């Protein structure tokens, strides 16, 4: 029976809250179907403190096998590199996480904070991800880290991570299904597509029918800070609660699956040069993009330009 230990670091617990909402199967059925024995999860287990400590000692002594370690939240290294802002049993929790990682068959970073550092990288928290710090390899465990199964950390980016991405990854690991990872160690199955794919505003984007205020159906990329064409993620394919996504609800994608999240500039504004976004999709030439979008806007059909949803 595969075992799982879920460790929370510096963060909001949003990835746990997301995972608790997984459907078809729901969480109890998923764990039962996969035969996973949850050794510890802050929201699922009621182990007494003394029993938990004994369990942890057995894991660290290799007396209790650890198949999957899931880490949620950024690894806190502050203040001044001591790690004492976030402790476990009187010691820096980062040391406990590293010790568990060395004994796990697989290590999974649930959410952008655990994967890349997220909030707190550039302040007194001195946060980092497990194997990356923003875009740079390294992090807590180092670029060369490999789990006992020979895997790097599997990064399930998102703020929070989509519950079906977590369930799909656990299913693949338990069943021995190959997972192809991208350069940031995210499974291509879910991060090999752009958030833009499946967006209900795609046609508006192609014809550069732009919105400068919220409440209408047009594209949010050119003025309102949408990252949909820039970052990978399944939000508009899997949908959230199988019903919606940020862009379908009229909110720009914040790019939360990116190693650079959160950005140091306003979320609801698009930085631009002469009206053309500073950040363009990979491989796009700026001059050609400007010419193409100008022609596309001129050719936009009336059914798109007459898109108002409020008076």
Protein backbone atom coordinates (compact mmCIF):
# COMPACT_ATOMS: atom_id res chain seq x y z
CA UNK A 1 0.00 0.00 0.00
CA UNK A 2 1.61 3.31 -1.09
CA UNK A 3 2.07 5.86 1.67
CA UNK A 4 1.71 9.65 1.51
CA UNK A 5 2.84 12.42 3.84
CA UNK A 6 1.52 15.96 3.17
CA UNK A 7 3.64 18.73 4.69
CA UNK A 8 2.51 22.36 4.83
CA UNK A 9 5.12 25.12 4.80
CA UNK A 10 4.69 28.89 4.52
CA UNK A 11 1.41 29.49 2.71
CA UNK A 12 -2.33 29.86 2.90
CA UNK A 13 -3.37 26.21 2.67
CA UNK A 14 -5.13 26.92 -0.62
CA UNK A 15 -3.80 23.83 -2.35
CA UNK A 16 -5.25 21.64 0.38
CA UNK A 17 -8.61 23.45 0.07
CA UNK A 18 -8.49 22.94 -3.69
CA UNK A 19 -7.63 19.25 -3.41
CA UNK A 20 -10.47 18.64 -0.96
CA UNK A 21 -12.84 19.66 -3.79
CA UNK A 22 -11.64 17.03 -6.28
CA UNK A 23 -14.49 15.25 -8.07
CA UNK A 24 -15.07 11.99 -10.00
CA UNK A 25 -13.78 10.40 -7.92
CA UNK A 26 -13.99 12.52 -4.81
CA UNK A 27 -11.09 12.50 -2.38
CA UNK A 28 -12.08 9.52 -0.18
CA UNK A 29 -12.81 7.39 -3.25
CA UNK A 30 -9.60 8.51 -4.95
CA UNK A 31 -7.46 7.46 -1.98
CA UNK A 32 -9.38 4.19 -1.70
CA UNK A 33 -9.10 3.43 -5.43
CA UNK A 34 -5.35 4.09 -5.41
CA UNK A 35 -4.85 2.26 -2.12
CA UNK A 36 -3.01 5.25 -0.66
CA UNK A 37 -2.40 5.22 3.07
CA UNK A 38 -2.26 8.81 4.29
CA UNK A 39 0.38 8.92 7.00
CA UNK A 40 -0.27 12.57 7.71
CA UNK A 41 -2.33 15.40 6.27
CA UNK A 42 -3.22 18.47 8.35
CA UNK A 43 -6.87 18.34 7.25
CA UNK A 44 -7.42 14.59 6.95
CA UNK A 45 -5.69 12.99 9.92
CA UNK A 46 -6.42 13.23 13.63
CA UNK A 47 -3.21 11.70 14.92
CA UNK A 48 -2.19 12.85 18.40
CA UNK A 49 1.02 14.92 18.58
CA UNK A 50 2.99 12.16 20.27
CA UNK A 51 1.88 9.60 17.68
CA UNK A 52 2.81 11.95 14.87
CA UNK A 53 6.28 12.47 16.29
CA UNK A 54 6.78 8.72 16.59
CA UNK A 55 5.62 8.29 12.99
CA UNK A 56 8.04 10.93 11.77
CA UNK A 57 10.89 9.29 13.68
CA UNK A 58 10.08 5.95 12.04
CA UNK A 59 10.07 7.56 8.56
CA UNK A 60 13.40 9.27 9.16
CA UNK A 61 14.84 5.98 10.48
CA UNK A 62 13.60 4.17 7.33
CA UNK A 63 11.35 1.99 9.45
CA UNK A 64 8.15 3.27 7.79
CA UNK A 65 8.36 3.58 3.99
CA UNK A 66 7.45 6.94 2.45
CA UNK A 67 6.29 6.64 -1.13
CA UNK A 68 4.97 10.14 -1.84
CA UNK A 69 5.90 13.36 -0.07
CA UNK A 70 3.66 16.29 -0.98
CA UNK A 71 4.85 19.73 0.11
CA UNK A 72 2.53 22.73 0.09
CA UNK A 73 3.66 26.32 0.65
CA UNK A 74 7.00 28.02 0.21
CA UNK A 75 10.07 26.94 2.14
CA UNK A 76 10.87 29.75 4.56
CA UNK A 77 14.57 30.44 5.10
CA UNK A 78 14.36 33.71 7.04
CA UNK A 79 15.34 35.46 9.13
CA UNK A 80 18.89 35.80 7.91
CA UNK A 81 19.08 32.25 6.58
CA UNK A 82 18.18 30.58 9.88
CA UNK A 83 14.81 29.19 8.83
CA UNK A 84 13.43 30.01 12.29
CA UNK A 85 10.39 31.87 10.96
CA UNK A 86 8.87 28.42 10.29
CA UNK A 87 9.77 25.65 12.69
CA UNK A 88 8.82 22.04 13.38
CA UNK A 89 9.57 20.44 16.73
CA UNK A 90 11.80 23.39 17.60
CA UNK A 91 13.92 23.20 14.44
CA UNK A 92 13.67 24.86 11.02
CA UNK A 93 10.92 23.09 9.10
CA UNK A 94 13.04 23.29 5.94
CA UNK A 95 15.45 20.75 7.49
CA UNK A 96 12.58 18.39 8.21
CA UNK A 97 11.30 18.76 4.63
CA UNK A 98 14.74 18.02 3.20
CA UNK A 99 15.11 14.94 5.42
CA UNK A 100 11.71 13.61 4.32
CA UNK A 101 12.52 14.30 0.66
CA UNK A 102 15.66 12.18 0.88
CA UNK A 103 13.54 9.22 2.03
CA UNK A 104 10.61 9.58 -0.36
CA UNK A 105 10.19 7.63 -3.60
CA UNK A 106 8.55 10.69 -5.13
CA UNK A 107 8.43 14.35 -4.09
CA UNK A 108 5.58 16.58 -5.27
CA UNK A 109 5.41 20.36 -4.88
CA UNK A 110 1.72 21.28 -4.63
CA UNK A 111 1.24 24.86 -5.78
CA UNK A 112 3.47 27.63 -7.06
CA UNK A 113 4.84 28.52 -3.63
CA UNK A 114 6.21 25.01 -3.05
CA UNK A 115 7.44 24.79 -6.64
CA UNK A 116 9.06 28.20 -7.14
CA UNK A 117 8.86 30.17 -3.89
CA UNK A 118 5.85 32.32 -4.74
CA UNK A 119 5.08 34.95 -2.12
CA UNK A 120 7.94 35.94 0.15
CA UNK A 121 10.90 35.26 -2.16
CA UNK A 122 12.10 38.84 -2.12
CA UNK A 123 11.27 39.88 1.42
CA UNK A 124 12.36 38.99 4.95
CA UNK A 125 10.82 35.50 4.64
CA UNK A 126 13.55 34.63 2.11
CA UNK A 127 11.24 31.99 0.62
CA UNK A 128 12.18 29.41 -1.97
CA UNK A 129 10.67 26.44 -3.74
CA UNK A 130 11.80 22.85 -3.28
CA UNK A 131 14.00 22.72 -6.38
CA UNK A 132 13.61 26.20 -7.91
CA UNK A 133 13.79 29.77 -6.67
CA UNK A 134 11.61 31.59 -9.18
CA UNK A 135 13.04 30.57 -12.58
CA UNK A 136 16.45 29.54 -11.23
CA UNK A 137 17.14 25.83 -10.49
CA UNK A 138 18.35 25.06 -6.98
CA UNK A 139 15.88 25.88 -4.25
CA UNK A 140 15.96 23.96 -0.98
CA UNK A 141 17.04 20.58 -2.36
CA UNK A 142 19.44 21.67 -5.08
CA UNK A 143 19.35 21.26 -8.85
CA UNK A 144 20.76 17.73 -8.73
CA UNK A 145 18.27 16.31 -6.24
CA UNK A 146 16.60 13.04 -7.18
CA UNK A 147 14.12 11.08 -5.11
CA UNK A 148 14.61 7.40 -4.31
CA UNK A 149 12.75 6.56 -7.52
CA UNK A 150 15.22 8.72 -9.45
CA UNK A 151 12.81 11.61 -10.07
CA UNK A 152 13.28 15.35 -9.60
CA UNK A 153 10.59 17.23 -7.71
CA UNK A 154 7.31 17.16 -9.66
CA UNK A 155 6.08 20.76 -9.70
CA UNK A 156 2.30 21.19 -9.77
CA UNK A 157 2.16 24.96 -10.23
CA UNK A 158 -0.90 27.08 -9.57
CA UNK A 159 -2.29 29.36 -6.90
CA UNK A 160 -3.87 27.06 -6.03
CA UNK A 161 -3.08 24.00 -8.10
CA UNK A 162 -6.09 22.54 -9.89
CA UNK A 163 -7.39 19.53 -7.90
CA UNK A 164 -7.53 17.28 -10.96
CA UNK A 165 -3.86 17.97 -11.63
CA UNK A 166 -3.03 16.74 -8.11
CA UNK A 167 -5.26 13.68 -8.42
CA UNK A 168 -3.94 12.89 -11.91
CA UNK A 169 -0.34 13.15 -10.76
CA UNK A 170 -0.91 10.91 -7.74
CA UNK A 171 -2.65 8.39 -10.00
CA UNK A 172 0.27 8.39 -12.43
CA UNK A 173 2.87 7.96 -9.67
CA UNK A 174 1.01 5.14 -7.94
CA UNK A 175 0.35 3.29 -11.21
CA UNK A 176 3.83 3.82 -12.61
CA UNK A 177 2.55 5.83 -15.57
CA UNK A 178 5.27 7.94 -17.21
CA UNK A 179 4.97 11.70 -16.67
CA UNK A 180 6.81 13.90 -19.15
CA UNK A 181 8.05 17.04 -17.39
CA UNK A 182 8.84 20.42 -18.93
CA UNK A 183 11.90 22.55 -18.18
CA UNK A 184 10.32 23.68 -14.90
CA UNK A 185 9.49 20.06 -13.97
CA UNK A 186 5.75 20.51 -14.49
CA UNK A 187 3.85 17.63 -16.15
CA UNK A 188 3.29 18.47 -19.82
CA UNK A 189 -0.06 16.70 -19.63
CA UNK A 190 -1.46 19.80 -17.91
CA UNK A 191 1.14 22.52 -18.39
CA UNK A 192 1.94 21.85 -22.05
CA UNK A 193 -1.13 23.87 -23.07
CA UNK A 194 -1.66 27.60 -22.68
CA UNK A 195 -4.35 28.97 -20.39
CA UNK A 196 -5.45 30.80 -23.56
CA UNK A 197 -6.47 27.46 -25.08
CA UNK A 198 -10.14 26.88 -24.44
CA UNK A 199 -10.74 30.49 -23.38
CA UNK A 200 -14.20 31.67 -24.38
CA UNK A 201 -12.66 35.04 -25.37
CA UNK A 202 -10.25 33.62 -27.97
CA UNK A 203 -12.05 34.99 -31.02
CA UNK A 204 -12.07 38.46 -29.49
CA UNK A 205 -8.34 38.12 -28.95
CA UNK A 206 -7.69 37.12 -32.57
CA UNK A 207 -9.53 40.18 -33.88
CA UNK A 208 -8.11 42.46 -31.17
CA UNK A 209 -11.50 43.35 -29.78
CA UNK A 210 -10.17 44.73 -26.53
CA UNK A 211 -11.68 45.72 -23.22
CA UNK A 212 -10.58 48.75 -21.23
CA UNK A 213 -13.10 48.15 -18.46
CA UNK A 214 -14.60 45.06 -16.88
CA UNK A 215 -18.07 43.69 -17.54
CA UNK A 216 -17.89 42.97 -21.28
CA UNK A 217 -16.95 39.95 -23.38
CA UNK A 218 -13.84 41.19 -25.20
CA UNK A 219 -10.19 40.26 -24.76
CA UNK A 220 -8.49 41.15 -21.49
CA UNK A 221 -4.91 40.61 -22.73
CA UNK A 222 -4.22 44.02 -24.27
CA UNK A 223 -5.31 46.30 -21.40
CA UNK A 224 -6.42 44.36 -18.32
CA UNK A 225 -3.31 42.29 -17.59
CA UNK A 226 -4.45 38.83 -18.71
CA UNK A 227 -1.63 36.25 -18.90
CA UNK A 228 -3.67 33.63 -20.76
CA UNK A 229 -1.54 33.67 -23.93
CA UNK A 230 1.68 33.67 -21.89
CA UNK A 231 1.50 30.81 -19.37
CA UNK A 232 0.77 27.10 -19.38
CA UNK A 233 -2.13 25.60 -17.47
CA UNK A 234 -5.41 23.69 -17.87
CA UNK A 235 -7.81 26.25 -16.37
CA UNK A 236 -9.91 26.72 -19.51
CA UNK A 237 -9.88 23.02 -20.39
CA UNK A 238 -10.53 21.30 -17.06
CA UNK A 239 -12.35 24.35 -15.65
CA UNK A 240 -12.76 24.96 -11.92
CA UNK A 241 -15.52 23.02 -10.23
CA UNK A 242 -16.08 21.80 -13.82
CA UNK A 243 -17.96 25.04 -14.44
CA UNK A 244 -15.81 28.11 -15.01
CA UNK A 245 -12.44 29.88 -14.99
CA UNK A 246 -11.14 33.38 -14.33
CA UNK A 247 -11.48 34.55 -17.92
CA UNK A 248 -14.94 33.01 -18.31
CA UNK A 249 -15.98 34.96 -15.23
CA UNK A 250 -14.52 38.16 -16.68
CA UNK A 251 -11.32 38.24 -14.61
CA UNK A 252 -7.85 38.23 -16.25
CA UNK A 253 -5.58 35.24 -15.83
CA UNK A 254 -2.93 36.23 -13.28
CA UNK A 255 -0.30 33.79 -14.59
CA UNK A 256 -0.20 31.88 -11.31
CA UNK A 257 1.45 28.80 -12.87
CA UNK A 258 4.52 30.84 -13.84
CA UNK A 259 7.75 30.68 -11.81
CA UNK A 260 7.68 34.49 -11.77
CA UNK A 261 4.34 34.64 -9.93
CA UNK A 262 3.47 36.90 -8.19
CA UNK A 263 4.55 39.73 -10.44
CA UNK A 264 5.96 42.99 -9.01
CA UNK A 265 3.57 45.19 -11.03
CA UNK A 266 -0.24 45.66 -11.00
CA UNK A 267 -2.35 42.63 -11.89
CA UNK A 268 -5.13 44.51 -13.67
CA UNK A 269 -2.94 46.47 -16.09
CA UNK A 270 -1.06 45.37 -19.19
CA UNK A 271 2.38 46.91 -19.59
CA UNK A 272 2.74 48.08 -23.18
CA UNK A 273 4.97 49.78 -25.72
CA UNK A 274 2.97 51.95 -28.11
CA UNK A 275 -0.15 49.98 -27.32
CA UNK A 276 1.48 46.57 -27.83
CA UNK A 277 1.91 44.41 -24.70
CA UNK A 278 5.49 44.21 -23.40
CA UNK A 279 5.12 40.46 -22.82
CA UNK A 280 4.16 38.56 -25.97
CA UNK A 281 3.63 34.83 -26.54
CA UNK A 282 6.86 32.89 -27.05
CA UNK A 283 8.29 33.17 -30.58
CA UNK A 284 6.18 36.20 -31.56
CA UNK A 285 7.96 39.05 -33.37
CA UNK A 286 6.84 42.44 -32.05
CA UNK A 287 6.76 44.29 -35.39
CA UNK A 288 4.85 41.51 -37.14
CA UNK A 289 2.49 41.21 -34.19
CA UNK A 290 1.68 44.92 -34.31
CA UNK A 291 0.95 44.79 -38.06
CA UNK A 292 -1.13 41.63 -37.80
CA UNK A 293 -3.24 42.86 -34.90
CA UNK A 294 -3.87 46.21 -36.63
CA UNK A 295 -5.22 44.41 -39.69
CA UNK A 296 -7.18 41.96 -37.56
CA UNK A 297 -8.87 44.78 -35.65
CA UNK A 298 -9.89 46.44 -38.91
CA UNK A 299 -11.44 43.16 -40.10
CA UNK A 300 -13.32 42.38 -36.87
CA UNK A 301 -16.93 41.31 -37.61
CA UNK A 302 -19.79 43.34 -36.16
CA UNK A 303 -20.98 40.42 -34.01
CA UNK A 304 -17.74 40.77 -32.04
CA UNK A 305 -17.48 44.54 -31.90
CA UNK A 306 -21.11 44.81 -30.74
CA UNK A 307 -20.47 42.68 -27.69
CA UNK A 308 -21.62 44.87 -24.82
CA UNK A 309 -23.21 43.02 -21.93
CA UNK A 310 -24.29 46.07 -19.96
CA UNK A 311 -25.55 49.57 -20.66
